[in-house]
C-alpha cells in the first residue's frame, strides 16, 4: 500500500516534472523489464492520473516516474465516465493511493473537436465523436457563448481549464466510496495542465 500522503505525492510529481523540463533523469526513469525491480509482484502507485489519450502527454515521462509509480487512466479529453470513476475508486481503495491528478493539456484535441462540433449544424455533427463531445460540452458551453469576440486561442485556453475543473468536480462526487475517502481518508483530487509547448505542468486551484 502507498504510504505517501497526498501532499508528499504531489511534491514528488512536481519534482519529477522539473527534472523532465530540465532534461535531467532521476532514479525513477529507468524503463526496463519490470521483474528486475519487483514490480511484477506488486504495485504501489504514489498517484492516480486521469489523463488525456493524446500521444504527446505520457504521464510517466512528464512526471519522471518509473514502472509501478503511477496508476494511469487515459481517455480522450480526460473526461469522467463511470469506468473512470470505478478505476479511481479501485486504485485508491486497493493501493492506498491518496492523490488523484486530472491531467489536461494545452491544445487538447477533444476540446478543439467539441468547439468545432458546437459551431456546426446538427445535421453535420459527427456521430463517432458524440460520446466525447457530449461530456466535454457542458464544461465549455457557457464560455463559448460569452466569447464571440475573443481570439480563438484564448477560448481554447479557457475551455481546456474549464474541462479540467469539470472533471475534478465530477470525480469528487463520482461515487460514495470516493466521497468517503475524501472526507475521512485523506484522498485529494486536483487538476493540472500540461503545456505541450514548454513541458511544464501547472497545478490548478479549483475555485468554488
N, C-alpha and C. Protein backbone atom coordinates (compact mmCIF):
# COMPACT_ATOMS: atom_id res chain seq x y z
N UNK A 1 0.84 -1.19 0.00
CA UNK A 1 0.00 0.00 0.00
C UNK A 1 0.89 1.25 0.00
N UNK A 2 0.48 2.27 -0.77
CA UNK A 2 1.23 3.52 -0.80
C UNK A 2 1.19 4.18 0.57
N UNK A 3 2.34 4.64 1.05
CA UNK A 3 2.40 5.27 2.36
C UNK A 3 2.56 6.78 2.25
N UNK A 4 2.54 7.30 1.05
CA UNK A 4 2.70 8.74 0.88
C UNK A 4 1.36 9.44 1.07
N UNK A 5 1.39 10.59 1.74
CA UNK A 5 0.20 11.43 1.81
C UNK A 5 0.00 12.11 0.45
N UNK A 6 -1.16 12.72 0.28
CA UNK A 6 -1.42 13.44 -0.97
C UNK A 6 -0.39 14.55 -1.19
N UNK A 7 -0.06 15.28 -0.12
CA UNK A 7 0.92 16.37 -0.25
C UNK A 7 2.30 15.85 -0.62
N UNK A 8 2.71 14.73 -0.02
CA UNK A 8 4.02 14.14 -0.34
C UNK A 8 4.07 13.67 -1.79
N UNK A 9 2.99 13.04 -2.24
CA UNK A 9 2.94 12.56 -3.62
C UNK A 9 2.96 13.73 -4.60
N UNK A 10 2.23 14.79 -4.27
CA UNK A 10 2.21 15.97 -5.13
C UNK A 10 3.61 16.57 -5.26
N UNK A 11 4.34 16.62 -4.17
CA UNK A 11 5.70 17.13 -4.21
C UNK A 11 6.58 16.26 -5.10
N UNK A 12 6.41 14.95 -5.03
CA UNK A 12 7.18 14.05 -5.90
C UNK A 12 6.90 14.33 -7.37
N UNK A 13 5.64 14.56 -7.69
CA UNK A 13 5.29 14.83 -9.08
C UNK A 13 5.86 16.16 -9.55
N UNK A 14 5.80 17.17 -8.69
CA UNK A 14 6.36 18.47 -9.06
C UNK A 14 7.87 18.38 -9.29
N UNK A 15 8.55 17.66 -8.42
CA UNK A 15 10.00 17.49 -8.58
C UNK A 15 10.31 16.72 -9.87
N UNK A 16 9.52 15.70 -10.16
CA UNK A 16 9.73 14.92 -11.38
C UNK A 16 9.51 15.75 -12.62
N UNK A 17 8.47 16.61 -12.61
CA UNK A 17 8.23 17.45 -13.77
C UNK A 17 9.36 18.45 -13.97
N UNK A 18 9.91 18.96 -12.87
CA UNK A 18 11.06 19.88 -13.01
C UNK A 18 12.23 19.17 -13.67
N UNK A 19 12.47 17.91 -13.31
CA UNK A 19 13.56 17.15 -13.96
C UNK A 19 13.26 16.94 -15.43
N UNK A 20 12.00 16.63 -15.74
CA UNK A 20 11.60 16.40 -17.12
C UNK A 20 11.85 17.65 -17.97
N UNK A 21 11.44 18.80 -17.46
CA UNK A 21 11.61 20.06 -18.20
C UNK A 21 13.10 20.37 -18.38
N UNK A 22 13.89 20.08 -17.36
CA UNK A 22 15.32 20.38 -17.42
C UNK A 22 16.10 19.34 -18.23
N UNK A 23 15.45 18.25 -18.58
CA UNK A 23 16.14 17.20 -19.32
C UNK A 23 17.01 16.32 -18.45
N UNK A 24 16.81 16.41 -17.13
CA UNK A 24 17.59 15.59 -16.20
C UNK A 24 16.79 14.36 -15.81
N UNK A 25 17.45 13.23 -15.72
CA UNK A 25 16.79 12.00 -15.35
C UNK A 25 17.04 11.66 -13.90
N UNK A 26 15.97 11.38 -13.18
CA UNK A 26 16.11 10.90 -11.82
C UNK A 26 16.20 9.38 -11.79
N UNK A 27 16.29 8.82 -10.59
CA UNK A 27 16.38 7.37 -10.46
C UNK A 27 15.16 6.66 -11.01
N UNK A 28 14.02 7.39 -11.02
CA UNK A 28 12.77 6.74 -11.41
C UNK A 28 12.73 6.40 -12.89
N UNK A 29 13.37 7.20 -13.74
CA UNK A 29 13.23 7.00 -15.17
C UNK A 29 14.19 5.91 -15.66
N UNK A 30 13.88 4.70 -15.25
CA UNK A 30 14.66 3.54 -15.67
C UNK A 30 13.68 2.50 -16.19
N UNK A 31 13.44 2.54 -17.48
CA UNK A 31 12.45 1.65 -18.07
C UNK A 31 13.15 0.40 -18.59
N UNK A 32 12.82 -0.71 -17.97
CA UNK A 32 13.38 -1.99 -18.38
C UNK A 32 12.42 -3.08 -17.97
N UNK A 33 12.83 -4.35 -18.09
CA UNK A 33 11.95 -5.44 -17.68
C UNK A 33 11.50 -5.25 -16.24
N UNK A 34 10.19 -5.22 -15.98
CA UNK A 34 9.71 -4.90 -14.64
C UNK A 34 10.11 -5.89 -13.57
N UNK A 35 10.39 -7.17 -13.95
CA UNK A 35 10.76 -8.15 -12.92
C UNK A 35 12.12 -7.82 -12.29
N UNK A 36 12.90 -6.94 -12.91
CA UNK A 36 14.18 -6.54 -12.32
C UNK A 36 13.98 -5.66 -11.09
N UNK A 37 12.77 -5.08 -10.94
CA UNK A 37 12.51 -4.19 -9.82
C UNK A 37 11.41 -4.73 -8.91
N UNK A 38 10.94 -5.93 -9.16
CA UNK A 38 9.90 -6.49 -8.32
C UNK A 38 8.51 -5.99 -8.64
N UNK A 39 8.36 -5.16 -9.68
CA UNK A 39 7.05 -4.61 -10.00
C UNK A 39 6.08 -5.66 -10.52
N UNK A 40 6.59 -6.81 -10.94
CA UNK A 40 5.71 -7.88 -11.38
C UNK A 40 4.85 -8.38 -10.23
N UNK A 41 5.41 -8.39 -9.04
CA UNK A 41 4.71 -8.96 -7.89
C UNK A 41 3.76 -7.98 -7.22
N UNK A 42 4.05 -6.69 -7.28
CA UNK A 42 3.19 -5.72 -6.61
C UNK A 42 3.36 -4.34 -7.22
N UNK A 43 2.38 -3.50 -6.96
CA UNK A 43 2.50 -2.10 -7.38
C UNK A 43 2.07 -1.22 -6.22
N UNK A 44 2.75 -0.10 -6.07
CA UNK A 44 2.44 0.86 -5.02
C UNK A 44 2.44 2.26 -5.61
N UNK A 45 1.46 2.55 -6.47
CA UNK A 45 1.45 3.86 -7.14
C UNK A 45 1.31 5.01 -6.16
N UNK A 46 2.12 6.04 -6.37
CA UNK A 46 2.06 7.20 -5.48
C UNK A 46 0.93 8.14 -5.87
N UNK A 47 0.45 8.03 -7.11
CA UNK A 47 -0.63 8.90 -7.56
C UNK A 47 -1.45 8.19 -8.63
N UNK A 48 -2.71 8.58 -8.71
CA UNK A 48 -3.61 8.15 -9.78
C UNK A 48 -3.72 9.32 -10.74
N UNK A 49 -3.51 9.08 -12.02
CA UNK A 49 -3.57 10.15 -13.01
C UNK A 49 -4.66 9.84 -14.02
N UNK A 50 -5.67 10.71 -14.07
CA UNK A 50 -6.67 10.64 -15.14
C UNK A 50 -6.24 11.64 -16.20
N UNK A 51 -5.69 11.13 -17.29
CA UNK A 51 -5.12 12.00 -18.31
C UNK A 51 -5.76 11.78 -19.66
N UNK A 52 -5.35 12.62 -20.60
CA UNK A 52 -5.85 12.53 -21.97
C UNK A 52 -5.09 11.44 -22.73
N UNK A 53 -5.74 10.87 -23.72
CA UNK A 53 -5.11 9.83 -24.54
C UNK A 53 -4.08 10.38 -25.51
N UNK A 54 -3.98 11.68 -25.61
CA UNK A 54 -3.05 12.32 -26.55
C UNK A 54 -1.65 11.71 -26.41
N UNK A 55 -1.08 11.28 -27.53
CA UNK A 55 0.22 10.60 -27.52
C UNK A 55 1.36 11.49 -27.06
N UNK A 56 1.11 12.80 -27.01
CA UNK A 56 2.17 13.73 -26.60
C UNK A 56 2.22 13.97 -25.10
N UNK A 57 1.36 13.27 -24.35
CA UNK A 57 1.27 13.51 -22.90
C UNK A 57 1.40 12.20 -22.12
N UNK A 58 2.56 11.54 -22.19
CA UNK A 58 2.76 10.31 -21.42
C UNK A 58 3.06 10.65 -19.96
N UNK A 59 2.14 10.32 -19.07
CA UNK A 59 2.23 10.80 -17.68
C UNK A 59 3.52 10.37 -17.00
N UNK A 60 3.94 9.12 -17.19
CA UNK A 60 5.15 8.66 -16.51
C UNK A 60 6.37 9.49 -16.90
N UNK A 61 6.46 9.86 -18.15
CA UNK A 61 7.60 10.66 -18.60
C UNK A 61 7.48 12.10 -18.14
N UNK A 62 6.29 12.66 -18.25
CA UNK A 62 6.06 14.05 -17.87
C UNK A 62 6.42 14.29 -16.40
N UNK A 63 6.15 13.27 -15.56
CA UNK A 63 6.45 13.39 -14.13
C UNK A 63 7.73 12.64 -13.73
N UNK A 64 8.47 12.12 -14.71
CA UNK A 64 9.71 11.40 -14.46
C UNK A 64 9.52 10.32 -13.38
N UNK A 65 8.54 9.46 -13.62
CA UNK A 65 8.28 8.36 -12.70
C UNK A 65 8.52 7.04 -13.42
N UNK A 66 8.77 6.01 -12.64
CA UNK A 66 9.11 4.71 -13.21
C UNK A 66 7.94 3.75 -13.25
N UNK A 67 8.22 2.53 -13.67
CA UNK A 67 7.20 1.48 -13.74
C UNK A 67 6.64 1.23 -12.35
N UNK A 68 5.32 1.24 -12.23
CA UNK A 68 4.66 0.97 -10.96
C UNK A 68 4.44 2.19 -10.09
N UNK A 69 4.92 3.37 -10.52
CA UNK A 69 4.80 4.57 -9.69
C UNK A 69 3.47 5.29 -9.86
N UNK A 70 2.86 5.17 -11.03
CA UNK A 70 1.61 5.87 -11.31
C UNK A 70 0.55 4.89 -11.79
N UNK A 71 -0.67 5.10 -11.34
CA UNK A 71 -1.83 4.37 -11.85
C UNK A 71 -2.51 5.30 -12.85
N UNK A 72 -2.33 5.01 -14.13
CA UNK A 72 -2.72 5.96 -15.17
C UNK A 72 -3.98 5.48 -15.90
N UNK A 73 -4.95 6.39 -15.99
CA UNK A 73 -6.18 6.15 -16.74
C UNK A 73 -6.19 7.19 -17.85
N UNK A 74 -6.24 6.75 -19.10
CA UNK A 74 -6.19 7.69 -20.21
C UNK A 74 -7.44 7.57 -21.07
N UNK A 75 -8.02 8.72 -21.37
CA UNK A 75 -9.21 8.78 -22.21
C UNK A 75 -9.22 10.14 -22.90
N UNK A 76 -9.69 10.18 -24.13
CA UNK A 76 -9.69 11.44 -24.87
C UNK A 76 -10.39 12.53 -24.08
N UNK A 77 -9.71 13.66 -23.91
CA UNK A 77 -10.29 14.80 -23.22
C UNK A 77 -10.31 14.68 -21.72
N UNK A 78 -9.59 13.70 -21.15
CA UNK A 78 -9.59 13.45 -19.70
C UNK A 78 -10.99 13.61 -19.10
N UNK A 79 -11.97 13.03 -19.80
CA UNK A 79 -13.35 13.12 -19.36
C UNK A 79 -13.63 12.10 -18.27
N UNK A 80 -14.71 12.32 -17.54
CA UNK A 80 -15.11 11.41 -16.46
C UNK A 80 -16.37 10.67 -16.88
N UNK A 81 -16.27 9.35 -16.94
CA UNK A 81 -17.39 8.46 -17.21
C UNK A 81 -17.37 7.37 -16.13
N UNK A 82 -18.41 6.56 -16.04
CA UNK A 82 -18.46 5.55 -14.97
C UNK A 82 -17.22 4.67 -14.86
N UNK A 83 -16.64 4.27 -15.99
CA UNK A 83 -15.47 3.40 -15.92
C UNK A 83 -14.27 4.11 -15.30
N UNK A 84 -14.13 5.42 -15.55
CA UNK A 84 -13.03 6.17 -14.95
C UNK A 84 -13.24 6.34 -13.44
N UNK A 85 -14.48 6.60 -13.05
CA UNK A 85 -14.80 6.71 -11.62
C UNK A 85 -14.47 5.41 -10.90
N UNK A 86 -14.90 4.30 -11.49
CA UNK A 86 -14.65 2.99 -10.88
C UNK A 86 -13.15 2.71 -10.77
N UNK A 87 -12.39 3.10 -11.79
CA UNK A 87 -10.95 2.85 -11.78
C UNK A 87 -10.26 3.67 -10.70
N UNK A 88 -10.69 4.92 -10.52
CA UNK A 88 -10.10 5.76 -9.47
C UNK A 88 -10.41 5.18 -8.10
N UNK A 89 -11.66 4.81 -7.87
CA UNK A 89 -12.03 4.25 -6.57
C UNK A 89 -11.28 2.95 -6.32
N UNK A 90 -11.15 2.12 -7.35
CA UNK A 90 -10.43 0.86 -7.21
C UNK A 90 -8.99 1.10 -6.75
N UNK A 91 -8.29 2.00 -7.45
CA UNK A 91 -6.87 2.23 -7.13
C UNK A 91 -6.70 2.85 -5.75
N UNK A 92 -7.57 3.81 -5.42
CA UNK A 92 -7.46 4.47 -4.13
C UNK A 92 -7.72 3.49 -2.99
N UNK A 93 -8.69 2.59 -3.19
CA UNK A 93 -9.03 1.62 -2.15
C UNK A 93 -8.03 0.48 -2.09
N UNK A 94 -7.63 0.00 -3.24
CA UNK A 94 -6.77 -1.18 -3.31
C UNK A 94 -5.32 -0.90 -2.89
N UNK A 95 -4.79 0.25 -3.34
CA UNK A 95 -3.37 0.54 -3.14
C UNK A 95 -3.10 1.62 -2.10
N UNK A 96 -4.15 2.22 -1.58
CA UNK A 96 -3.95 3.26 -0.58
C UNK A 96 -3.42 4.56 -1.16
N UNK A 97 -3.51 4.73 -2.45
CA UNK A 97 -3.03 5.94 -3.11
C UNK A 97 -3.92 7.11 -2.72
N UNK A 98 -3.31 8.24 -2.34
CA UNK A 98 -4.08 9.34 -1.78
C UNK A 98 -4.09 10.59 -2.64
N UNK A 99 -3.50 10.54 -3.82
CA UNK A 99 -3.53 11.69 -4.72
C UNK A 99 -4.07 11.29 -6.08
N UNK A 100 -5.07 12.04 -6.54
CA UNK A 100 -5.60 11.87 -7.89
C UNK A 100 -5.35 13.17 -8.64
N UNK A 101 -4.76 13.06 -9.83
CA UNK A 101 -4.50 14.23 -10.66
C UNK A 101 -5.28 14.10 -11.96
N UNK A 102 -6.13 15.08 -12.24
CA UNK A 102 -6.76 15.18 -13.56
C UNK A 102 -5.82 16.00 -14.42
N UNK A 103 -5.20 15.36 -15.40
CA UNK A 103 -4.14 15.99 -16.19
C UNK A 103 -4.66 16.32 -17.59
N UNK A 104 -5.01 17.58 -17.79
CA UNK A 104 -5.33 18.06 -19.13
C UNK A 104 -4.10 18.64 -19.78
N UNK A 105 -4.27 19.18 -20.97
CA UNK A 105 -3.10 19.75 -21.66
C UNK A 105 -3.51 20.80 -22.66
N UNK A 106 -2.58 21.66 -23.00
CA UNK A 106 -2.84 22.71 -23.98
C UNK A 106 -3.18 22.09 -25.33
N UNK A 107 -3.98 22.81 -26.10
CA UNK A 107 -4.35 22.38 -27.45
C UNK A 107 -5.00 20.99 -27.45
N UNK A 108 -5.82 20.72 -26.45
CA UNK A 108 -6.44 19.39 -26.34
C UNK A 108 -7.36 19.14 -27.54
N UNK A 109 -7.12 18.05 -28.24
CA UNK A 109 -7.90 17.74 -29.43
C UNK A 109 -9.37 17.52 -29.15
N UNK A 110 -9.70 16.92 -28.00
CA UNK A 110 -11.10 16.68 -27.66
C UNK A 110 -11.84 17.99 -27.41
N UNK A 111 -11.15 18.94 -26.78
CA UNK A 111 -11.77 20.26 -26.56
C UNK A 111 -11.92 20.99 -27.89
N UNK A 112 -10.89 20.94 -28.72
CA UNK A 112 -10.98 21.58 -30.04
C UNK A 112 -12.12 20.97 -30.86
N UNK A 113 -12.25 19.64 -30.80
CA UNK A 113 -13.31 18.97 -31.56
C UNK A 113 -14.69 19.37 -31.04
N UNK A 114 -14.80 19.54 -29.72
CA UNK A 114 -16.08 19.94 -29.14
C UNK A 114 -16.47 21.33 -29.59
N UNK A 115 -15.52 22.26 -29.54
CA UNK A 115 -15.80 23.62 -30.01
C UNK A 115 -16.20 23.61 -31.48
N UNK A 116 -15.51 22.83 -32.27
CA UNK A 116 -15.82 22.73 -33.70
C UNK A 116 -17.22 22.15 -33.91
N UNK A 117 -17.55 21.10 -33.16
CA UNK A 117 -18.87 20.47 -33.31
C UNK A 117 -19.99 21.42 -32.88
N UNK A 118 -19.73 22.22 -31.86
CA UNK A 118 -20.75 23.15 -31.39
C UNK A 118 -21.06 24.23 -32.41
N UNK A 119 -20.11 24.48 -33.31
CA UNK A 119 -20.30 25.51 -34.32
C UNK A 119 -20.91 24.97 -35.61
N UNK A 120 -21.12 23.66 -35.66
CA UNK A 120 -21.71 23.04 -36.85
C UNK A 120 -23.23 22.93 -36.71
N UNK A 121 -23.91 22.80 -37.83
CA UNK A 121 -25.32 22.47 -37.80
C UNK A 121 -25.49 21.06 -37.27
N UNK A 122 -26.61 20.81 -36.65
CA UNK A 122 -26.86 19.50 -36.05
C UNK A 122 -26.68 18.37 -37.06
N UNK A 123 -27.12 18.57 -38.28
CA UNK A 123 -27.04 17.52 -39.30
C UNK A 123 -25.61 17.20 -39.70
N UNK A 124 -24.69 18.14 -39.48
CA UNK A 124 -23.30 17.95 -39.90
C UNK A 124 -22.40 17.41 -38.79
N UNK A 125 -22.95 17.21 -37.59
CA UNK A 125 -22.13 16.79 -36.47
C UNK A 125 -21.78 15.31 -36.56
N UNK A 126 -20.58 14.98 -36.11
CA UNK A 126 -20.06 13.62 -36.20
C UNK A 126 -20.68 12.73 -35.12
N UNK A 127 -21.25 11.62 -35.54
CA UNK A 127 -21.81 10.68 -34.58
C UNK A 127 -20.72 9.95 -33.82
N UNK A 128 -19.57 9.74 -34.45
CA UNK A 128 -18.49 8.99 -33.80
C UNK A 128 -17.87 9.78 -32.65
N UNK A 129 -18.00 11.11 -32.67
CA UNK A 129 -17.43 11.94 -31.62
C UNK A 129 -18.42 12.22 -30.49
N UNK A 130 -19.66 11.79 -30.66
CA UNK A 130 -20.71 12.23 -29.76
C UNK A 130 -20.43 11.90 -28.29
N UNK A 131 -19.94 10.70 -27.99
CA UNK A 131 -19.74 10.31 -26.59
C UNK A 131 -18.70 11.19 -25.91
N UNK A 132 -17.69 11.64 -26.66
CA UNK A 132 -16.68 12.53 -26.10
C UNK A 132 -17.24 13.96 -26.01
N UNK A 133 -17.78 14.44 -27.11
CA UNK A 133 -18.27 15.81 -27.18
C UNK A 133 -19.35 16.07 -26.14
N UNK A 134 -20.25 15.11 -25.96
CA UNK A 134 -21.35 15.30 -25.02
C UNK A 134 -20.88 15.43 -23.58
N UNK A 135 -19.70 14.89 -23.28
CA UNK A 135 -19.16 15.01 -21.91
C UNK A 135 -18.32 16.27 -21.74
N UNK A 136 -17.73 16.76 -22.81
CA UNK A 136 -16.93 17.99 -22.73
C UNK A 136 -17.83 19.22 -22.83
N UNK A 137 -18.86 19.14 -23.65
CA UNK A 137 -19.70 20.30 -23.95
C UNK A 137 -20.22 21.07 -22.72
N UNK A 138 -20.77 20.40 -21.69
CA UNK A 138 -21.33 21.17 -20.57
C UNK A 138 -20.30 22.08 -19.88
N UNK A 139 -19.04 21.68 -19.91
CA UNK A 139 -18.00 22.48 -19.24
C UNK A 139 -17.66 23.75 -20.01
N UNK A 140 -17.89 23.76 -21.32
CA UNK A 140 -17.41 24.89 -22.13
C UNK A 140 -18.52 25.62 -22.87
N UNK A 141 -19.76 25.16 -22.75
CA UNK A 141 -20.86 25.78 -23.49
C UNK A 141 -21.01 27.26 -23.15
N UNK A 142 -21.02 27.57 -21.85
CA UNK A 142 -21.19 28.96 -21.44
C UNK A 142 -20.03 29.82 -21.90
N UNK A 143 -18.82 29.26 -21.82
CA UNK A 143 -17.64 30.00 -22.28
C UNK A 143 -17.76 30.37 -23.76
N UNK A 144 -18.15 29.39 -24.55
CA UNK A 144 -18.26 29.62 -25.99
C UNK A 144 -19.31 30.68 -26.30
N UNK A 145 -20.41 30.68 -25.54
CA UNK A 145 -21.47 31.65 -25.77
C UNK A 145 -21.03 33.07 -25.43
N UNK A 146 -20.11 33.20 -24.46
CA UNK A 146 -19.67 34.51 -24.00
C UNK A 146 -18.40 35.01 -24.70
N UNK A 147 -17.85 34.21 -25.61
CA UNK A 147 -16.53 34.52 -26.16
C UNK A 147 -16.55 34.82 -27.65
N UNK A 148 -17.66 35.35 -28.13
CA UNK A 148 -17.78 35.57 -29.57
C UNK A 148 -16.73 36.54 -30.11
N UNK A 149 -16.30 37.51 -29.27
CA UNK A 149 -15.32 38.49 -29.74
C UNK A 149 -13.90 38.16 -29.37
N UNK A 150 -13.67 37.04 -28.71
CA UNK A 150 -12.33 36.69 -28.24
C UNK A 150 -11.52 36.00 -29.34
N UNK A 151 -10.21 36.01 -29.17
CA UNK A 151 -9.35 35.27 -30.08
C UNK A 151 -9.59 33.78 -29.88
N UNK A 152 -9.58 32.98 -30.94
CA UNK A 152 -9.82 31.54 -30.80
C UNK A 152 -8.88 30.87 -29.81
N UNK A 153 -7.61 31.30 -29.79
CA UNK A 153 -6.65 30.66 -28.88
C UNK A 153 -6.97 30.96 -27.41
N UNK A 154 -7.58 32.13 -27.15
CA UNK A 154 -7.97 32.44 -25.78
C UNK A 154 -9.14 31.56 -25.34
N UNK A 155 -10.09 31.37 -26.23
CA UNK A 155 -11.22 30.50 -25.92
C UNK A 155 -10.74 29.07 -25.66
N UNK A 156 -9.83 28.59 -26.47
CA UNK A 156 -9.33 27.23 -26.30
C UNK A 156 -8.63 27.08 -24.96
N UNK A 157 -7.81 28.07 -24.60
CA UNK A 157 -7.08 28.00 -23.33
C UNK A 157 -8.05 27.94 -22.15
N UNK A 158 -9.08 28.79 -22.18
CA UNK A 158 -10.05 28.79 -21.08
C UNK A 158 -10.88 27.51 -21.09
N UNK A 159 -11.20 27.02 -22.28
CA UNK A 159 -12.01 25.81 -22.39
C UNK A 159 -11.27 24.59 -21.85
N UNK A 160 -9.96 24.50 -22.11
CA UNK A 160 -9.17 23.39 -21.59
C UNK A 160 -9.22 23.37 -20.07
N UNK A 161 -9.06 24.53 -19.46
CA UNK A 161 -9.08 24.59 -17.99
C UNK A 161 -10.48 24.32 -17.44
N UNK A 162 -11.49 24.84 -18.10
CA UNK A 162 -12.86 24.58 -17.66
C UNK A 162 -13.16 23.08 -17.69
N UNK A 163 -12.65 22.40 -18.71
CA UNK A 163 -12.86 20.96 -18.81
C UNK A 163 -12.12 20.20 -17.71
N UNK A 164 -10.92 20.64 -17.37
CA UNK A 164 -10.18 20.03 -16.26
C UNK A 164 -10.96 20.20 -14.96
N UNK A 165 -11.42 21.43 -14.69
CA UNK A 165 -12.15 21.69 -13.45
C UNK A 165 -13.43 20.87 -13.39
N UNK A 166 -14.12 20.73 -14.52
CA UNK A 166 -15.34 19.94 -14.55
C UNK A 166 -15.05 18.48 -14.19
N UNK A 167 -13.95 17.94 -14.70
CA UNK A 167 -13.61 16.55 -14.40
C UNK A 167 -13.25 16.39 -12.93
N UNK A 168 -12.55 17.37 -12.35
CA UNK A 168 -12.23 17.31 -10.92
C UNK A 168 -13.52 17.27 -10.10
N UNK A 169 -14.44 18.16 -10.41
CA UNK A 169 -15.70 18.20 -9.67
C UNK A 169 -16.48 16.89 -9.81
N UNK A 170 -16.52 16.37 -11.02
CA UNK A 170 -17.26 15.12 -11.24
C UNK A 170 -16.64 13.95 -10.49
N UNK A 171 -15.31 13.90 -10.45
CA UNK A 171 -14.66 12.82 -9.72
C UNK A 171 -14.91 12.94 -8.21
N UNK A 172 -14.86 14.17 -7.70
CA UNK A 172 -15.05 14.36 -6.26
C UNK A 172 -16.42 13.88 -5.81
N UNK A 173 -17.40 13.93 -6.71
CA UNK A 173 -18.75 13.48 -6.37
C UNK A 173 -19.10 12.17 -7.09
N UNK A 174 -18.07 11.49 -7.60
CA UNK A 174 -18.30 10.37 -8.50
C UNK A 174 -18.94 9.15 -7.88
N UNK A 175 -18.62 8.86 -6.64
CA UNK A 175 -19.17 7.67 -6.00
C UNK A 175 -19.15 7.86 -4.50
N UNK A 176 -19.92 7.04 -3.81
CA UNK A 176 -19.94 7.10 -2.36
C UNK A 176 -18.57 6.75 -1.79
N UNK A 177 -17.90 5.78 -2.41
CA UNK A 177 -16.57 5.38 -1.95
C UNK A 177 -15.56 6.50 -2.05
N UNK A 178 -15.56 7.23 -3.16
CA UNK A 178 -14.64 8.36 -3.32
C UNK A 178 -14.97 9.46 -2.33
N UNK A 179 -16.25 9.77 -2.16
CA UNK A 179 -16.62 10.81 -1.19
C UNK A 179 -16.18 10.44 0.22
N UNK A 180 -16.29 9.17 0.55
CA UNK A 180 -15.88 8.70 1.88
C UNK A 180 -14.37 8.83 2.05
N UNK A 181 -13.61 8.50 1.02
CA UNK A 181 -12.15 8.60 1.10
C UNK A 181 -11.70 10.05 1.20
N UNK A 182 -12.40 10.95 0.54
CA UNK A 182 -12.07 12.37 0.65
C UNK A 182 -12.37 12.89 2.05
N UNK A 183 -13.54 12.50 2.57
CA UNK A 183 -13.99 13.02 3.86
C UNK A 183 -13.12 12.53 5.02
N UNK A 184 -12.73 11.26 4.97
CA UNK A 184 -12.02 10.72 6.12
C UNK A 184 -10.74 9.99 5.84
N UNK A 185 -10.42 9.82 4.55
CA UNK A 185 -9.26 9.01 4.22
C UNK A 185 -8.07 9.74 3.66
N UNK A 186 -8.15 11.07 3.60
CA UNK A 186 -7.01 11.84 3.11
C UNK A 186 -6.86 11.87 1.60
N UNK A 187 -7.88 11.42 0.86
CA UNK A 187 -7.79 11.45 -0.60
C UNK A 187 -7.98 12.87 -1.11
N UNK A 188 -7.11 13.29 -2.03
CA UNK A 188 -7.24 14.61 -2.66
C UNK A 188 -7.28 14.44 -4.17
N UNK A 189 -8.15 15.23 -4.80
CA UNK A 189 -8.28 15.22 -6.25
C UNK A 189 -7.97 16.62 -6.75
N UNK A 190 -6.96 16.76 -7.59
CA UNK A 190 -6.52 18.07 -8.05
C UNK A 190 -6.47 18.10 -9.57
N UNK A 191 -6.52 19.31 -10.11
CA UNK A 191 -6.40 19.49 -11.55
C UNK A 191 -5.02 19.99 -11.92
N UNK A 192 -4.59 19.66 -13.12
CA UNK A 192 -3.29 20.12 -13.62
C UNK A 192 -3.35 20.25 -15.13
N UNK A 193 -2.55 21.17 -15.66
CA UNK A 193 -2.48 21.36 -17.11
C UNK A 193 -1.04 21.23 -17.57
N UNK A 194 -0.83 20.36 -18.54
CA UNK A 194 0.49 20.16 -19.15
C UNK A 194 0.61 21.04 -20.38
N UNK A 195 1.69 21.76 -20.48
CA UNK A 195 1.94 22.60 -21.64
C UNK A 195 2.72 21.81 -22.69
N UNK A 196 2.12 21.61 -23.85
CA UNK A 196 2.84 20.95 -24.94
C UNK A 196 4.03 21.79 -25.39
N UNK A 197 3.92 23.09 -25.20
CA UNK A 197 4.95 23.99 -25.70
C UNK A 197 6.20 24.01 -24.82
N UNK A 198 6.02 23.89 -23.49
CA UNK A 198 7.15 24.03 -22.57
C UNK A 198 7.48 22.77 -21.79
N UNK A 199 6.52 21.84 -21.70
CA UNK A 199 6.72 20.64 -20.88
C UNK A 199 6.35 20.83 -19.42
N UNK A 200 6.00 22.04 -19.04
CA UNK A 200 5.66 22.32 -17.65
C UNK A 200 4.25 21.83 -17.31
N UNK A 201 4.09 21.33 -16.10
CA UNK A 201 2.78 21.01 -15.56
C UNK A 201 2.42 22.06 -14.52
N UNK A 202 1.29 22.72 -14.70
CA UNK A 202 0.81 23.69 -13.72
C UNK A 202 -0.35 23.09 -12.95
N UNK A 203 -0.21 23.01 -11.65
CA UNK A 203 -1.30 22.51 -10.81
C UNK A 203 -2.25 23.67 -10.54
N UNK A 204 -3.54 23.39 -10.67
CA UNK A 204 -4.56 24.44 -10.71
C UNK A 204 -5.38 24.47 -9.42
N UNK A 205 -5.71 25.68 -8.99
CA UNK A 205 -6.57 25.86 -7.84
C UNK A 205 -8.02 25.91 -8.32
N UNK A 206 -8.82 25.01 -7.82
CA UNK A 206 -10.23 24.97 -8.19
C UNK A 206 -10.99 25.96 -7.33
N UNK A 207 -11.69 26.88 -7.99
CA UNK A 207 -12.46 27.89 -7.28
C UNK A 207 -13.87 27.38 -7.05
N UNK A 208 -14.35 27.51 -5.83
CA UNK A 208 -15.72 27.12 -5.52
C UNK A 208 -15.89 25.64 -5.32
